[in-house]
Structure formats: C-alpha cells, structure tokens
C-alpha cells in the first residue's frame, strides 16, 4: 500500500497501517498498491483490489484509511475508512429499486460478520449506464454499480474491516462469501498480487 503523510507518522497510525492490507484473501482477489490521498487528513494509507473470474474483471475497489489525531467533524474518533467498489451488473438488476438497500447491506453485514467495531457509517449506491457514441457507437451498453462508503473504526487493528471490504467486493462481483472452514482453489496460481505492488 502507499502512504501519504506530511511528517513522521504517529505510532497509532503506523500500527493501523500494518493491518490495512489484507494478509489472506480469496484467490479471485488481486491486491495492488495505490496512491494515498494527501488532502483529506494529515496521514493516510490506501490499498486497491480487483476481483477476477478467470481473466474477466468483475469488480474493482479501493480502501483508504484516514488518520487525524485531532479527529474531524462526523468521525467520532481519529480514524476514518473510505471504501469504493465498482462492479458490472445486468441491466435488470440495476433497475431493481431494492438494489441500493441490498448493496448497502452487503457492507454492514460483512462488517458485522467479521466482528468489526465501527460508528458513523454512511455512503451512497449509484447505478451507472454507459453508452457509446461516435467512433464508440458499436461498443455495448454497460451498466455498473458503484458503492461509496465511509465509517469510523473503533479499533486500531483494521484487519476485520479490510476483510469485510474484500467480502463486499466479492458480493458486488456476484461471488458469495465462503465459510471460514471451506478451502478455495486458486483461479490465478501465479497472480497473487498486481505487478504494480511489487
């Protein structure tokens, strides 16, 4: 992951940063380093991910940790996590009026399932339709789901929050969660992380 900070980071930030990048992920998920925003908080870190089925990209996302020792309005603490997920969807699914509440429940249920303690969660669910024109008029019409969310973790260990974010990405990609006692076979035996992360 990449880090943005104006000066020597506080110990609490560094401890949390060590747990931001998931250490164990499903074989469908490829992690990569991405730039951390520098203007949202004094200290920040970020990790990106892509969900694949074979060579098909199903979903992309990022998880950003913001840290301000003094806190910020609405945070309820010094930490704030910001998540983004984008996934392709069938048109009939994106037109379902229940998609928004269902997609939001993917996040809250994943956080609860991993025992992540959090407060002040909020976000948006967007349905996007892309249609080509001009020299792109032959491109197929695509429909996508975009979920943007933020919440305040009530603990420095962010591993449960990162695991919940991975589950959220898989749910958006149409891949159901796997019980903890069930092993999965790798879909990408040699693609454990993006070349950008090396």
C-alpha atoms as a PDB file:
ATOM      1  CA  UNK A   1       0.000   0.000   0.000  1.00  0.00           C
ATOM      2  CA  UNK A   2       1.092   3.576  -0.386  1.00  0.00           C
ATOM      3  CA  UNK A   3       1.124   6.204   2.306  1.00  0.00           C
ATOM      4  CA  UNK A   4       0.661   9.945   2.314  1.00  0.00           C
ATOM      5  CA  UNK A   5       1.837  11.974   5.300  1.00  0.00           C
ATOM      6  CA  UNK A   6       3.253  15.437   5.972  1.00  0.00           C
ATOM      7  CA  UNK A   7       5.689  14.408   8.717  1.00  0.00           C
ATOM      8  CA  UNK A   8       6.771  11.478  10.871  1.00  0.00           C
ATOM      9  CA  UNK A   9       3.593   9.406  11.350  1.00  0.00           C
ATOM     10  CA  UNK A  10       2.285   8.778  14.875  1.00  0.00           C
ATOM     11  CA  UNK A  11       2.652   5.280  16.297  1.00  0.00           C
ATOM     12  CA  UNK A  12      -1.126   4.718  16.295  1.00  0.00           C
ATOM     13  CA  UNK A  13      -1.265   5.423  12.564  1.00  0.00           C
ATOM     14  CA  UNK A  14       1.618   3.060  11.826  1.00  0.00           C
ATOM     15  CA  UNK A  15       0.047   0.269  13.874  1.00  0.00           C
ATOM     16  CA  UNK A  16      -3.221   0.648  11.992  1.00  0.00           C
ATOM     17  CA  UNK A  17      -1.457   0.863   8.636  1.00  0.00           C
ATOM     18  CA  UNK A  18       0.148  -2.529   9.214  1.00  0.00           C
ATOM     19  CA  UNK A  19      -3.319  -4.094   9.291  1.00  0.00           C
ATOM     20  CA  UNK A  20      -4.924  -2.194   6.387  1.00  0.00           C
ATOM     21  CA  UNK A  21      -3.758  -4.554   3.650  1.00  0.00           C
ATOM     22  CA  UNK A  22      -5.455  -7.958   3.989  1.00  0.00           C
ATOM     23  CA  UNK A  23      -2.961 -10.752   4.621  1.00  0.00           C
ATOM     24  CA  UNK A  24      -5.257 -13.556   3.464  1.00  0.00           C
ATOM     25  CA  UNK A  25      -7.568 -13.004   0.513  1.00  0.00           C
ATOM     26  CA  UNK A  26      -9.644 -15.191  -1.746  1.00  0.00           C
ATOM     27  CA  UNK A  27      -7.886 -16.334  -4.931  1.00  0.00           C
ATOM     28  CA  UNK A  28     -10.256 -14.221  -7.034  1.00  0.00           C
ATOM     29  CA  UNK A  29      -8.892 -11.018  -5.450  1.00  0.00           C
ATOM     30  CA  UNK A  30      -5.701  -9.311  -6.640  1.00  0.00           C
ATOM     31  CA  UNK A  31      -4.322  -6.563  -4.391  1.00  0.00           C
ATOM     32  CA  UNK A  32      -2.230  -3.613  -5.540  1.00  0.00           C
ATOM     33  CA  UNK A  33      -0.611  -0.501  -4.135  1.00  0.00           C
ATOM     34  CA  UNK A  34      -2.390   2.747  -4.984  1.00  0.00           C
ATOM     35  CA  UNK A  35      -1.594   6.378  -4.111  1.00  0.00           C
ATOM     36  CA  UNK A  36      -2.983   7.580  -0.798  1.00  0.00           C
ATOM     37  CA  UNK A  37      -4.836  10.921  -0.795  1.00  0.00           C
ATOM     38  CA  UNK A  38      -2.901  13.709   0.922  1.00  0.00           C
ATOM     39  CA  UNK A  39      -5.508  16.419   1.420  1.00  0.00           C
ATOM     40  CA  UNK A  40      -8.262  14.614   3.300  1.00  0.00           C
ATOM     41  CA  UNK A  41      -6.313  14.071   6.519  1.00  0.00           C
ATOM     42  CA  UNK A  42      -2.801  14.604   7.921  1.00  0.00           C
ATOM     43  CA  UNK A  43      -1.996  10.897   7.465  1.00  0.00           C
ATOM     44  CA  UNK A  44      -3.419   8.334   5.058  1.00  0.00           C
ATOM     45  CA  UNK A  45      -2.852   4.933   3.526  1.00  0.00           C
ATOM     46  CA  UNK A  46      -4.550   3.064   0.706  1.00  0.00           C
ATOM     47  CA  UNK A  47      -4.844  -0.325  -0.960  1.00  0.00           C
ATOM     48  CA  UNK A  48      -6.621  -1.302  -4.167  1.00  0.00           C
ATOM     49  CA  UNK A  49      -8.081  -4.582  -5.366  1.00  0.00           C
ATOM     50  CA  UNK A  50      -9.584  -6.240  -8.432  1.00  0.00           C
ATOM     51  CA  UNK A  51     -11.871  -9.268  -8.438  1.00  0.00           C
ATOM     52  CA  UNK A  52     -11.433 -11.715 -11.327  1.00  0.00           C
ATOM     53  CA  UNK A  53     -13.200 -14.780 -12.641  1.00  0.00           C
ATOM     54  CA  UNK A  54     -10.592 -16.358 -14.866  1.00  0.00           C
ATOM     55  CA  UNK A  55      -9.312 -13.419 -16.923  1.00  0.00           C
ATOM     56  CA  UNK A  56     -12.576 -11.479 -16.630  1.00  0.00           C
ATOM     57  CA  UNK A  57     -12.522  -8.414 -14.406  1.00  0.00           C
ATOM     58  CA  UNK A  58     -15.659  -8.420 -12.269  1.00  0.00           C
ATOM     59  CA  UNK A  59     -15.098  -5.613  -9.776  1.00  0.00           C
ATOM     60  CA  UNK A  60     -12.530  -3.022  -8.731  1.00  0.00           C
ATOM     61  CA  UNK A  61     -12.222  -1.127  -5.495  1.00  0.00           C
ATOM     62  CA  UNK A  62     -10.072   0.712  -3.023  1.00  0.00           C
ATOM     63  CA  UNK A  63      -9.880   1.064   0.736  1.00  0.00           C
ATOM     64  CA  UNK A  64      -8.441   4.259   2.198  1.00  0.00           C
ATOM     65  CA  UNK A  65      -7.513   4.896   5.811  1.00  0.00           C
ATOM     66  CA  UNK A  66      -7.505   8.482   7.049  1.00  0.00           C
ATOM     67  CA  UNK A  67      -5.942   9.473  10.355  1.00  0.00           C
ATOM     68  CA  UNK A  68      -6.205  12.820  12.103  1.00  0.00           C
ATOM     69  CA  UNK A  69      -5.005  12.868  15.736  1.00  0.00           C
ATOM     70  CA  UNK A  70      -7.484  15.675  16.442  1.00  0.00           C
ATOM     71  CA  UNK A  71     -10.353  13.952  14.657  1.00  0.00           C
ATOM     72  CA  UNK A  72     -12.689  15.611  12.183  1.00  0.00           C
ATOM     73  CA  UNK A  73     -16.342  16.533  12.182  1.00  0.00           C
ATOM     74  CA  UNK A  74     -18.519  13.440  11.984  1.00  0.00           C
ATOM     75  CA  UNK A  75     -15.671  10.987  12.518  1.00  0.00           C
ATOM     76  CA  UNK A  76     -16.240  10.085  16.169  1.00  0.00           C
ATOM     77  CA  UNK A  77     -12.544   9.292  16.529  1.00  0.00           C
ATOM     78  CA  UNK A  78      -9.126   9.818  14.896  1.00  0.00           C
ATOM     79  CA  UNK A  79      -9.621   7.182  12.168  1.00  0.00           C
ATOM     80  CA  UNK A  80     -11.877   7.086   9.126  1.00  0.00           C
ATOM     81  CA  UNK A  81     -12.107   4.362   6.479  1.00  0.00           C
ATOM     82  CA  UNK A  82     -13.317   5.176   2.973  1.00  0.00           C
ATOM     83  CA  UNK A  83     -14.289   2.368   0.608  1.00  0.00           C
ATOM     84  CA  UNK A  84     -15.149   2.372  -3.082  1.00  0.00           C
ATOM     85  CA  UNK A  85     -16.409  -0.581  -5.124  1.00  0.00           C
ATOM     86  CA  UNK A  86     -17.443  -0.684  -8.789  1.00  0.00           C
ATOM     87  CA  UNK A  87     -18.867  -3.782 -10.454  1.00  0.00           C
ATOM     88  CA  UNK A  88     -20.658  -4.587 -13.688  1.00  0.00           C
ATOM     89  CA  UNK A  89     -24.299  -5.629 -13.351  1.00  0.00           C
ATOM     90  CA  UNK A  90     -27.061  -6.890 -15.604  1.00  0.00           C
ATOM     91  CA  UNK A  91     -29.497  -4.110 -16.625  1.00  0.00           C
ATOM     92  CA  UNK A  92     -32.439  -5.825 -14.951  1.00  0.00           C
ATOM     93  CA  UNK A  93     -30.534  -5.896 -11.666  1.00  0.00           C
ATOM     94  CA  UNK A  94     -29.501  -2.246 -11.755  1.00  0.00           C
ATOM     95  CA  UNK A  95     -33.126  -1.257 -12.386  1.00  0.00           C
ATOM     96  CA  UNK A  96     -34.310  -3.066  -9.251  1.00  0.00           C
ATOM     97  CA  UNK A  97     -35.406  -0.429  -6.700  1.00  0.00           C
ATOM     98  CA  UNK A  98     -34.133  -2.661  -3.893  1.00  0.00           C
ATOM     99  CA  UNK A  99     -30.571  -2.708  -5.228  1.00  0.00           C
ATOM    100  CA  UNK A 100     -29.484   0.263  -3.112  1.00  0.00           C
ATOM    101  CA  UNK A 101     -30.584  -1.127   0.261  1.00  0.00           C
ATOM    102  CA  UNK A 102     -29.318  -4.590  -0.650  1.00  0.00           C
ATOM    103  CA  UNK A 103     -25.889  -3.313  -1.725  1.00  0.00           C
ATOM    104  CA  UNK A 104     -25.582  -1.266   1.466  1.00  0.00           C
ATOM    105  CA  UNK A 105     -26.462  -4.356   3.498  1.00  0.00           C
ATOM    106  CA  UNK A 106     -23.535  -6.186   1.893  1.00  0.00           C
ATOM    107  CA  UNK A 107     -21.208  -3.765   3.663  1.00  0.00           C
ATOM    108  CA  UNK A 108     -22.892  -3.688   7.059  1.00  0.00           C
ATOM    109  CA  UNK A 109     -23.392  -7.449   7.140  1.00  0.00           C
ATOM    110  CA  UNK A 110     -19.753  -8.030   6.160  1.00  0.00           C
ATOM    111  CA  UNK A 111     -18.544  -5.704   8.915  1.00  0.00           C
ATOM    112  CA  UNK A 112     -20.775  -7.448  11.443  1.00  0.00           C
ATOM    113  CA  UNK A 113     -19.743 -10.911  10.241  1.00  0.00           C
ATOM    114  CA  UNK A 114     -16.073 -10.084  10.832  1.00  0.00           C
ATOM    115  CA  UNK A 115     -16.747  -8.511  14.216  1.00  0.00           C
ATOM    116  CA  UNK A 116     -15.555  -5.084  13.097  1.00  0.00           C
ATOM    117  CA  UNK A 117     -16.383  -2.335  15.596  1.00  0.00           C
ATOM    118  CA  UNK A 118     -17.398   0.880  13.856  1.00  0.00           C
ATOM    119  CA  UNK A 119     -19.513   4.032  14.087  1.00  0.00           C
ATOM    120  CA  UNK A 120     -20.929   6.808  11.904  1.00  0.00           C
ATOM    121  CA  UNK A 121     -21.241   4.737   8.739  1.00  0.00           C
ATOM    122  CA  UNK A 122     -22.612   6.448   5.656  1.00  0.00           C
ATOM    123  CA  UNK A 123     -22.463   6.169   1.908  1.00  0.00           C
ATOM    124  CA  UNK A 124     -24.147   6.096  -1.475  1.00  0.00           C
ATOM    125  CA  UNK A 125     -25.095   3.458  -4.035  1.00  0.00           C
ATOM    126  CA  UNK A 126     -25.081   4.598  -7.669  1.00  0.00           C
ATOM    127  CA  UNK A 127     -26.319   2.882 -10.811  1.00  0.00           C
ATOM    128  CA  UNK A 128     -24.330   3.945 -13.882  1.00  0.00           C
ATOM    129  CA  UNK A 129     -25.216   3.327 -17.552  1.00  0.00           C
ATOM    130  CA  UNK A 130     -22.508   3.828 -20.198  1.00  0.00           C
ATOM    131  CA  UNK A 131     -23.480   4.163 -23.869  1.00  0.00           C
ATOM    132  CA  UNK A 132     -21.017   4.796 -26.700  1.00  0.00           C
ATOM    133  CA  UNK A 133     -21.346   7.430 -29.429  1.00  0.00           C
ATOM    134  CA  UNK A 134     -19.308   8.472 -32.462  1.00  0.00           C
ATOM    135  CA  UNK A 135     -16.470   6.041 -33.056  1.00  0.00           C
ATOM    136  CA  UNK A 136     -17.602   4.163 -29.948  1.00  0.00           C
ATOM    137  CA  UNK A 137     -21.213   3.687 -31.027  1.00  0.00           C
ATOM    138  CA  UNK A 138     -20.600  -0.021 -31.602  1.00  0.00           C
ATOM    139  CA  UNK A 139     -19.487  -0.506 -28.013  1.00  0.00           C
ATOM    140  CA  UNK A 140     -22.031  -2.415 -25.937  1.00  0.00           C
ATOM    141  CA  UNK A 141     -24.116  -0.557 -23.392  1.00  0.00           C
ATOM    142  CA  UNK A 142     -22.809  -1.345 -19.917  1.00  0.00           C
ATOM    143  CA  UNK A 143     -24.446  -0.982 -16.533  1.00  0.00           C
ATOM    144  CA  UNK A 144     -22.492  -0.754 -13.309  1.00  0.00           C
ATOM    145  CA  UNK A 145     -22.988  -0.490  -9.595  1.00  0.00           C
ATOM    146  CA  UNK A 146     -20.851   1.954  -7.620  1.00  0.00           C
ATOM    147  CA  UNK A 147     -20.799   1.924  -3.834  1.00  0.00           C
ATOM    148  CA  UNK A 148     -19.028   4.630  -1.861  1.00  0.00           C
ATOM    149  CA  UNK A 149     -18.943   4.323   1.904  1.00  0.00           C
ATOM    150  CA  UNK A 150     -17.087   5.603   4.925  1.00  0.00           C
ATOM    151  CA  UNK A 151     -17.117   4.662   8.582  1.00  0.00           C
ATOM    152  CA  UNK A 152     -15.082   5.189  11.731  1.00  0.00           C
ATOM    153  CA  UNK A 153     -13.292   2.095  13.043  1.00  0.00           C
ATOM    154  CA  UNK A 154     -13.287   1.907  16.828  1.00  0.00           C
ATOM    155  CA  UNK A 155     -10.041  -0.074  16.921  1.00  0.00           C
ATOM    156  CA  UNK A 156      -6.500   0.295  15.620  1.00  0.00           C
ATOM    157  CA  UNK A 157      -6.441  -3.238  14.227  1.00  0.00           C
ATOM    158  CA  UNK A 158      -8.165  -2.818  10.870  1.00  0.00           C
ATOM    159  CA  UNK A 159      -7.835  -6.412   9.695  1.00  0.00           C
ATOM    160  CA  UNK A 160     -11.523  -7.185  10.261  1.00  0.00           C
ATOM    161  CA  UNK A 161     -12.511  -4.052   8.338  1.00  0.00           C
ATOM    162  CA  UNK A 162     -10.208  -4.961   5.445  1.00  0.00           C
ATOM    163  CA  UNK A 163     -11.636  -8.481   5.361  1.00  0.00           C
ATOM    164  CA  UNK A 164     -15.165  -7.051   5.271  1.00  0.00           C
ATOM    165  CA  UNK A 165     -14.183  -4.808   2.352  1.00  0.00           C
ATOM    166  CA  UNK A 166     -12.922  -7.855   0.448  1.00  0.00           C
ATOM    167  CA  UNK A 167     -16.214  -9.641   1.113  1.00  0.00           C
ATOM    168  CA  UNK A 168     -18.102  -6.568  -0.096  1.00  0.00           C
ATOM    169  CA  UNK A 169     -16.168  -6.605  -3.360  1.00  0.00           C
ATOM    170  CA  UNK A 170     -16.906 -10.280  -3.901  1.00  0.00           C
ATOM    171  CA  UNK A 171     -20.606  -9.791  -3.191  1.00  0.00           C
ATOM    172  CA  UNK A 172     -20.727  -6.933  -5.703  1.00  0.00           C
ATOM    173  CA  UNK A 173     -18.999  -9.202  -8.217  1.00  0.00           C
ATOM    174  CA  UNK A 174     -21.621 -11.902  -7.689  1.00  0.00           C
ATOM    175  CA  UNK A 175     -19.313 -14.220  -5.756  1.00  0.00           C
ATOM    176  CA  UNK A 176     -20.875 -15.320  -2.459  1.00  0.00           C
ATOM    177  CA  UNK A 177     -18.793 -15.458   0.733  1.00  0.00           C
ATOM    178  CA  UNK A 178     -17.003 -18.692   1.547  1.00  0.00           C
ATOM    179  CA  UNK A 179     -17.394 -20.118   5.074  1.00  0.00           C
ATOM    180  CA  UNK A 180     -14.211 -19.935   7.139  1.00  0.00           C
ATOM    181  CA  UNK A 181     -13.850 -23.739   7.229  1.00  0.00           C
ATOM    182  CA  UNK A 182     -14.128 -24.192   3.442  1.00  0.00           C
ATOM    183  CA  UNK A 183     -10.994 -24.034   1.292  1.00  0.00           C
ATOM    184  CA  UNK A 184     -10.990 -22.467  -2.180  1.00  0.00           C
ATOM    185  CA  UNK A 185      -8.908 -23.385  -5.210  1.00  0.00           C
ATOM    186  CA  UNK A 186      -6.793 -20.623  -6.762  1.00  0.00           C
ATOM    187  CA  UNK A 187      -8.108 -19.218 -10.036  1.00  0.00           C
ATOM    188  CA  UNK A 188      -4.827 -17.383 -10.658  1.00  0.00           C
ATOM    189  CA  UNK A 189      -1.995 -19.612  -9.386  1.00  0.00           C
ATOM    190  CA  UNK A 190       0.646 -17.068 -10.404  1.00  0.00           C
ATOM    191  CA  UNK A 191      -1.361 -13.851  -9.955  1.00  0.00           C
ATOM    192  CA  UNK A 192      -1.250 -13.289  -6.229  1.00  0.00           C
ATOM    193  CA  UNK A 193      -0.834  -9.531  -6.475  1.00  0.00           C
ATOM    194  CA  UNK A 194      -0.659  -6.867  -9.141  1.00  0.00           C
ATOM    195  CA  UNK A 195       2.758  -6.218 -10.715  1.00  0.00           C
ATOM    196  CA  UNK A 196       2.326  -2.606  -9.562  1.00  0.00           C
ATOM    197  CA  UNK A 197       2.572  -3.802  -5.980  1.00  0.00           C
ATOM    198  CA  UNK A 198       5.964  -5.381  -6.448  1.00  0.00           C
END
